[in-house]
Amino acid sequence: MKYAIKVIDAKGNEFLLCEEGKDSFQTFEEYADADDFNYDFEQTLDSEMSSVVVEFN
C-alpha cells in the first residue's frame, strides 16, 4: 500500500499533492515517511488550509 498527502483548502476542496515539477502524485511506501513529510509540509500552508495522510491506490 502507498500513501499520499491530501490538501484541503478553506472551501473544503480536496487535492492530492503532486511531486514538484512533475505531473505525478507525491507518494510514500511507508505511512511513517508520509506522516513525517506531512508534518513539515503542513507548516508551510496558509492557516485556512490543512493536509492529511491518506491511502493511495
N, C-alpha and C. Protein backbone atom coordinates (compact mmCIF):
# COMPACT_ATOMS: atom_id res chain seq x y z
N MET A 1 0.84 -1.17 0.00
CA MET A 1 0.00 0.00 0.00
C MET A 1 0.89 1.24 0.00
N LYS A 2 0.44 2.26 -0.70
CA LYS A 2 1.14 3.54 -0.73
C LYS A 2 0.31 4.60 -0.03
N TYR A 3 0.96 5.71 0.28
CA TYR A 3 0.31 6.82 0.97
C TYR A 3 0.59 8.11 0.23
N ALA A 4 -0.33 9.06 0.33
CA ALA A 4 -0.19 10.36 -0.32
C ALA A 4 -0.65 11.44 0.67
N ILE A 5 -0.43 12.68 0.27
CA ILE A 5 -0.83 13.83 1.08
C ILE A 5 -2.04 14.49 0.42
N LYS A 6 -3.13 14.59 1.17
CA LYS A 6 -4.33 15.28 0.68
C LYS A 6 -4.34 16.67 1.29
N VAL A 7 -4.48 17.68 0.43
CA VAL A 7 -4.54 19.07 0.86
C VAL A 7 -5.99 19.52 0.78
N ILE A 8 -6.45 20.22 1.82
CA ILE A 8 -7.83 20.70 1.89
C ILE A 8 -7.80 22.21 2.03
N ASP A 9 -8.49 22.91 1.10
CA ASP A 9 -8.48 24.37 1.15
C ASP A 9 -9.63 24.89 2.01
N ALA A 10 -9.73 26.20 2.13
CA ALA A 10 -10.72 26.84 3.01
C ALA A 10 -12.16 26.54 2.58
N LYS A 11 -12.39 26.23 1.31
CA LYS A 11 -13.73 25.93 0.81
C LYS A 11 -14.07 24.45 0.91
N GLY A 12 -13.13 23.65 1.41
CA GLY A 12 -13.35 22.22 1.53
C GLY A 12 -12.95 21.42 0.31
N ASN A 13 -12.37 22.08 -0.70
CA ASN A 13 -11.88 21.37 -1.87
C ASN A 13 -10.68 20.53 -1.48
N GLU A 14 -10.59 19.33 -2.04
CA GLU A 14 -9.51 18.42 -1.70
C GLU A 14 -8.64 18.14 -2.92
N PHE A 15 -7.33 18.09 -2.71
CA PHE A 15 -6.37 17.86 -3.77
C PHE A 15 -5.30 16.91 -3.27
N LEU A 16 -4.72 16.11 -4.16
CA LEU A 16 -3.57 15.31 -3.80
C LEU A 16 -2.32 16.06 -4.20
N LEU A 17 -1.32 16.01 -3.35
CA LEU A 17 -0.06 16.71 -3.58
C LEU A 17 0.71 16.04 -4.71
N CYS A 18 1.16 16.84 -5.67
CA CYS A 18 1.97 16.34 -6.78
C CYS A 18 3.45 16.53 -6.46
N GLU A 19 4.27 15.71 -7.10
CA GLU A 19 5.71 15.87 -6.95
C GLU A 19 6.11 17.18 -7.61
N GLU A 20 7.04 17.89 -7.00
CA GLU A 20 7.48 19.18 -7.51
C GLU A 20 8.05 19.03 -8.91
N GLY A 21 7.51 19.81 -9.85
CA GLY A 21 7.99 19.81 -11.23
C GLY A 21 7.55 18.63 -12.06
N LYS A 22 6.63 17.82 -11.55
CA LYS A 22 6.18 16.62 -12.28
C LYS A 22 4.66 16.59 -12.33
N ASP A 23 4.15 15.72 -13.20
CA ASP A 23 2.70 15.53 -13.31
C ASP A 23 2.22 14.32 -12.52
N SER A 24 3.03 13.81 -11.62
CA SER A 24 2.65 12.63 -10.84
C SER A 24 2.47 13.00 -9.37
N PHE A 25 1.67 12.20 -8.69
CA PHE A 25 1.40 12.45 -7.28
C PHE A 25 2.61 12.07 -6.43
N GLN A 26 2.81 12.81 -5.35
CA GLN A 26 3.84 12.50 -4.36
C GLN A 26 3.34 11.33 -3.54
N THR A 27 4.01 10.18 -3.61
CA THR A 27 3.59 9.02 -2.84
C THR A 27 4.73 8.51 -1.97
N PHE A 28 4.34 7.73 -0.96
CA PHE A 28 5.28 7.20 0.01
C PHE A 28 4.96 5.72 0.23
N GLU A 29 5.99 4.92 0.40
CA GLU A 29 5.81 3.49 0.64
C GLU A 29 5.37 3.20 2.07
N GLU A 30 5.81 4.01 3.01
CA GLU A 30 5.52 3.80 4.43
C GLU A 30 4.71 4.97 4.99
N TYR A 31 3.74 4.63 5.85
CA TYR A 31 2.92 5.66 6.48
C TYR A 31 3.80 6.64 7.28
N ALA A 32 4.78 6.12 7.98
CA ALA A 32 5.64 6.97 8.82
C ALA A 32 6.37 8.01 7.98
N ASP A 33 6.82 7.63 6.79
CA ASP A 33 7.51 8.58 5.90
C ASP A 33 6.54 9.67 5.44
N ALA A 34 5.33 9.27 5.08
CA ALA A 34 4.32 10.25 4.65
C ALA A 34 3.96 11.18 5.80
N ASP A 35 3.82 10.63 6.98
CA ASP A 35 3.45 11.42 8.15
C ASP A 35 4.55 12.43 8.49
N ASP A 36 5.81 12.00 8.43
CA ASP A 36 6.93 12.91 8.68
C ASP A 36 6.96 14.04 7.66
N PHE A 37 6.78 13.69 6.39
CA PHE A 37 6.76 14.70 5.33
C PHE A 37 5.61 15.67 5.55
N ASN A 38 4.43 15.12 5.85
CA ASN A 38 3.25 15.96 6.03
C ASN A 38 3.40 16.92 7.20
N TYR A 39 4.04 16.49 8.25
CA TYR A 39 4.25 17.36 9.42
C TYR A 39 4.99 18.63 8.99
N ASP A 40 6.07 18.46 8.24
CA ASP A 40 6.84 19.62 7.77
C ASP A 40 6.07 20.40 6.71
N PHE A 41 5.41 19.69 5.80
CA PHE A 41 4.66 20.34 4.72
C PHE A 41 3.54 21.21 5.27
N GLU A 42 2.82 20.69 6.25
CA GLU A 42 1.67 21.42 6.80
C GLU A 42 2.09 22.75 7.42
N GLN A 43 3.32 22.83 7.90
CA GLN A 43 3.83 24.08 8.48
C GLN A 43 3.95 25.18 7.42
N THR A 44 4.00 24.82 6.14
CA THR A 44 4.15 25.81 5.06
C THR A 44 2.82 26.30 4.51
N LEU A 45 1.72 25.68 4.92
CA LEU A 45 0.40 26.04 4.39
C LEU A 45 -0.16 27.28 5.06
N ASP A 46 -1.02 27.99 4.32
CA ASP A 46 -1.75 29.10 4.91
C ASP A 46 -2.65 28.56 6.01
N SER A 47 -3.02 29.42 6.94
CA SER A 47 -3.79 28.98 8.11
C SER A 47 -5.16 28.40 7.76
N GLU A 48 -5.73 28.78 6.61
CA GLU A 48 -7.05 28.26 6.24
C GLU A 48 -6.97 26.94 5.46
N MET A 49 -5.77 26.41 5.30
CA MET A 49 -5.58 25.14 4.60
C MET A 49 -5.04 24.10 5.57
N SER A 50 -5.30 22.82 5.24
CA SER A 50 -4.78 21.74 6.06
C SER A 50 -4.37 20.59 5.14
N SER A 51 -3.68 19.62 5.71
CA SER A 51 -3.29 18.44 4.94
C SER A 51 -3.33 17.22 5.84
N VAL A 52 -3.48 16.06 5.21
CA VAL A 52 -3.60 14.81 5.94
C VAL A 52 -3.03 13.68 5.08
N VAL A 53 -2.51 12.65 5.72
CA VAL A 53 -2.01 11.46 5.01
C VAL A 53 -3.20 10.57 4.69
N VAL A 54 -3.25 10.08 3.44
CA VAL A 54 -4.32 9.18 3.02
C VAL A 54 -3.71 7.98 2.30
N GLU A 55 -4.47 6.89 2.26
CA GLU A 55 -4.04 5.72 1.49
C GLU A 55 -4.17 6.06 0.01
N PHE A 56 -3.23 5.57 -0.78
CA PHE A 56 -3.20 5.86 -2.21
C PHE A 56 -3.13 4.55 -2.97
N ASN A 57 -4.09 4.31 -3.84
CA ASN A 57 -4.10 3.07 -4.64
C ASN A 57 -3.88 3.38 -6.09
